[in-house]
Structures are given as structure tokens and as C-alpha cells.
Amino acid sequence: MAASRLPPAALTLKQFLRRQQVLQLYRRILQAIRQVPTETDRHYLKEWAREEFKRNKDATDEDAIRMMITQGNMQLQELERTLQLANS
């Protein structure tokens, strides 16, 4: 049997794609936060997002991760709607 060329900690394709979804969500949240008008609110939201992602970084249950991504997308949409209303 030939030894695998992948390092022991290599991600499966499914894990890799899920990781990309999480990173994309994180970037989109940070982009939305940049549009918040007050510095203190921006700082608070950025810290909140950072802590939420850090707190869940070791999650491995696929269903839980999918649920967290869904919740994150809903929170992002709510933030975007709030910013849209504030700017009108």
C-alpha cells in the first residue's frame, strides 16, 4: 500500500468547501460592519463577530456548522437591512 501524500490534518473536499463558506460569511459580515456610521458601534460589532467565530472555530458537527452558517447569514441580512434603513 502506498502512503497517502496528504498530511494527516488535510481537509476533505466537503470540509474545505464548508470552510470557504464560513470565511466568505466572515468577510461579508466585516464588510457590512464597515458601513456602520459610528466608530463605537463598529468596534462593538467587529468584536462581537470575531468572538462568535472564535467561539465556534472548533465545531465539527456538520449539522451544527450548517445551522451556524444559516444563522450568520440571517444576522448579516438583518444588519444590512438596518444599515439600509439608517441610510434612507
C-alpha atoms as a PDB file:
ATOM      1  CA  MET A   1       0.000   0.000   0.000  1.00  0.00           C
ATOM      2  CA  ALA A   2       1.259   3.418  -0.901  1.00  0.00           C
ATOM      3  CA  ALA A   3       1.311   6.084   1.794  1.00  0.00           C
ATOM      4  CA  SER A   4      -1.051   8.996   1.351  1.00  0.00           C
ATOM      5  CA  ARG A   5       0.532  12.169   0.030  1.00  0.00           C
ATOM      6  CA  LEU A   6      -1.803  14.313   2.104  1.00  0.00           C
ATOM      7  CA  PRO A   7      -0.704  15.488   5.528  1.00  0.00           C
ATOM      8  CA  PRO A   8      -2.698  13.939   8.402  1.00  0.00           C
ATOM      9  CA  ALA A   9      -4.614  17.192   9.029  1.00  0.00           C
ATOM     10  CA  ALA A  10      -5.741  17.668   5.408  1.00  0.00           C
ATOM     11  CA  LEU A  11      -9.395  18.639   4.949  1.00  0.00           C
ATOM     12  CA  THR A  12     -11.824  16.593   2.943  1.00  0.00           C
ATOM     13  CA  LEU A  13     -13.439  18.317  -0.032  1.00  0.00           C
ATOM     14  CA  LYS A  14     -16.661  18.776   1.927  1.00  0.00           C
ATOM     15  CA  GLN A  15     -14.788  20.326   4.878  1.00  0.00           C
ATOM     16  CA  PHE A  16     -12.809  22.564   2.537  1.00  0.00           C
ATOM     17  CA  LEU A  17     -15.973  23.864   0.854  1.00  0.00           C
ATOM     18  CA  ARG A  18     -17.677  24.421   4.219  1.00  0.00           C
ATOM     19  CA  ARG A  19     -14.593  26.320   5.420  1.00  0.00           C
ATOM     20  CA  GLN A  20     -14.799  28.543   2.341  1.00  0.00           C
ATOM     21  CA  GLN A  21     -18.456  29.284   3.148  1.00  0.00           C
ATOM     22  CA  VAL A  22     -17.537  30.271   6.702  1.00  0.00           C
ATOM     23  CA  LEU A  23     -14.683  32.513   5.571  1.00  0.00           C
ATOM     24  CA  GLN A  24     -16.894  34.173   2.952  1.00  0.00           C
ATOM     25  CA  LEU A  25     -19.570  34.826   5.577  1.00  0.00           C
ATOM     26  CA  TYR A  26     -16.976  36.323   7.937  1.00  0.00           C
ATOM     27  CA  ARG A  27     -15.667  38.634   5.204  1.00  0.00           C
ATOM     28  CA  ARG A  28     -19.190  39.727   4.247  1.00  0.00           C
ATOM     29  CA  ILE A  29     -20.011  40.495   7.884  1.00  0.00           C
ATOM     30  CA  LEU A  30     -16.851  42.584   8.258  1.00  0.00           C
ATOM     31  CA  GLN A  31     -17.663  44.446   5.023  1.00  0.00           C
ATOM     32  CA  ALA A  32     -21.150  45.247   6.313  1.00  0.00           C
ATOM     33  CA  ILE A  33     -19.748  46.394   9.653  1.00  0.00           C
ATOM     34  CA  ARG A  34     -17.505  48.884   7.846  1.00  0.00           C
ATOM     35  CA  GLN A  35     -20.664  50.701   6.740  1.00  0.00           C
ATOM     36  CA  VAL A  36     -21.824  51.313  10.342  1.00  0.00           C
ATOM     37  CA  PRO A  37     -21.658  55.086  10.867  1.00  0.00           C
ATOM     38  CA  THR A  38     -20.367  55.314  14.450  1.00  0.00           C
ATOM     39  CA  GLU A  39     -16.920  54.159  15.491  1.00  0.00           C
ATOM     40  CA  THR A  40     -18.050  52.695  18.827  1.00  0.00           C
ATOM     41  CA  ASP A  41     -20.776  50.616  17.162  1.00  0.00           C
ATOM     42  CA  ARG A  42     -18.319  49.430  14.501  1.00  0.00           C
ATOM     43  CA  HIS A  43     -15.847  48.395  17.178  1.00  0.00           C
ATOM     44  CA  TYR A  44     -18.532  46.591  19.204  1.00  0.00           C
ATOM     45  CA  LEU A  45     -19.859  44.703  16.162  1.00  0.00           C
ATOM     46  CA  LYS A  46     -16.387  43.755  14.965  1.00  0.00           C
ATOM     47  CA  GLU A  47     -15.503  42.345  18.387  1.00  0.00           C
ATOM     48  CA  TRP A  48     -18.826  40.514  18.553  1.00  0.00           C
ATOM     49  CA  ALA A  49     -18.258  38.902  15.137  1.00  0.00           C
ATOM     50  CA  ARG A  50     -14.672  37.979  15.975  1.00  0.00           C
ATOM     51  CA  GLU A  51     -15.685  36.379  19.285  1.00  0.00           C
ATOM     52  CA  GLU A  52     -18.571  34.419  17.732  1.00  0.00           C
ATOM     53  CA  PHE A  53     -16.347  32.948  15.042  1.00  0.00           C
ATOM     54  CA  LYS A  54     -13.564  32.197  17.550  1.00  0.00           C
ATOM     55  CA  ARG A  55     -16.008  30.556  19.943  1.00  0.00           C
ATOM     56  CA  ASN A  56     -17.208  28.176  17.233  1.00  0.00           C
ATOM     57  CA  LYS A  57     -13.932  27.540  15.407  1.00  0.00           C
ATOM     58  CA  ASP A  58     -13.566  24.017  16.766  1.00  0.00           C
ATOM     59  CA  ALA A  59     -17.068  22.869  15.792  1.00  0.00           C
ATOM     60  CA  THR A  60     -17.023  19.596  13.859  1.00  0.00           C
ATOM     61  CA  ASP A  61     -20.684  18.537  13.701  1.00  0.00           C
ATOM     62  CA  GLU A  62     -21.776  19.120  10.107  1.00  0.00           C
ATOM     63  CA  ASP A  63     -25.395  19.885  11.003  1.00  0.00           C
ATOM     64  CA  ALA A  64     -24.377  22.369  13.692  1.00  0.00           C
ATOM     65  CA  ILE A  65     -21.992  24.112  11.298  1.00  0.00           C
ATOM     66  CA  ARG A  66     -24.702  24.380   8.637  1.00  0.00           C
ATOM     67  CA  MET A  67     -27.083  25.829  11.214  1.00  0.00           C
ATOM     68  CA  MET A  68     -24.489  28.374  12.366  1.00  0.00           C
ATOM     69  CA  ILE A  69     -23.868  29.449   8.765  1.00  0.00           C
ATOM     70  CA  THR A  70     -27.621  29.888   8.249  1.00  0.00           C
ATOM     71  CA  GLN A  71     -27.928  31.927  11.450  1.00  0.00           C
ATOM     72  CA  GLY A  72     -24.914  34.018  10.467  1.00  0.00           C
ATOM     73  CA  ASN A  73     -26.447  34.759   7.049  1.00  0.00           C
ATOM     74  CA  MET A  74     -29.717  35.780   8.705  1.00  0.00           C
ATOM     75  CA  GLN A  75     -27.875  38.102  11.104  1.00  0.00           C
ATOM     76  CA  LEU A  76     -25.939  39.574   8.183  1.00  0.00           C
ATOM     77  CA  GLN A  77     -29.163  40.229   6.280  1.00  0.00           C
ATOM     78  CA  GLU A  78     -30.640  41.908   9.364  1.00  0.00           C
ATOM     79  CA  LEU A  79     -27.564  44.129   9.701  1.00  0.00           C
ATOM     80  CA  GLU A  80     -27.722  45.043   6.003  1.00  0.00           C
ATOM     81  CA  ARG A  81     -31.455  45.890   6.288  1.00  0.00           C
ATOM     82  CA  THR A  82     -30.797  48.028   9.362  1.00  0.00           C
ATOM     83  CA  LEU A  83     -27.988  49.889   7.592  1.00  0.00           C
ATOM     84  CA  GLN A  84     -30.193  50.382   4.547  1.00  0.00           C
ATOM     85  CA  LEU A  85     -32.967  51.868   6.698  1.00  0.00           C
ATOM     86  CA  ALA A  86     -30.491  54.095   8.547  1.00  0.00           C
ATOM     87  CA  ASN A  87     -29.191  55.483   5.243  1.00  0.00           C
ATOM     88  CA  SER A  88     -32.627  56.274   3.806  1.00  0.00           C
END
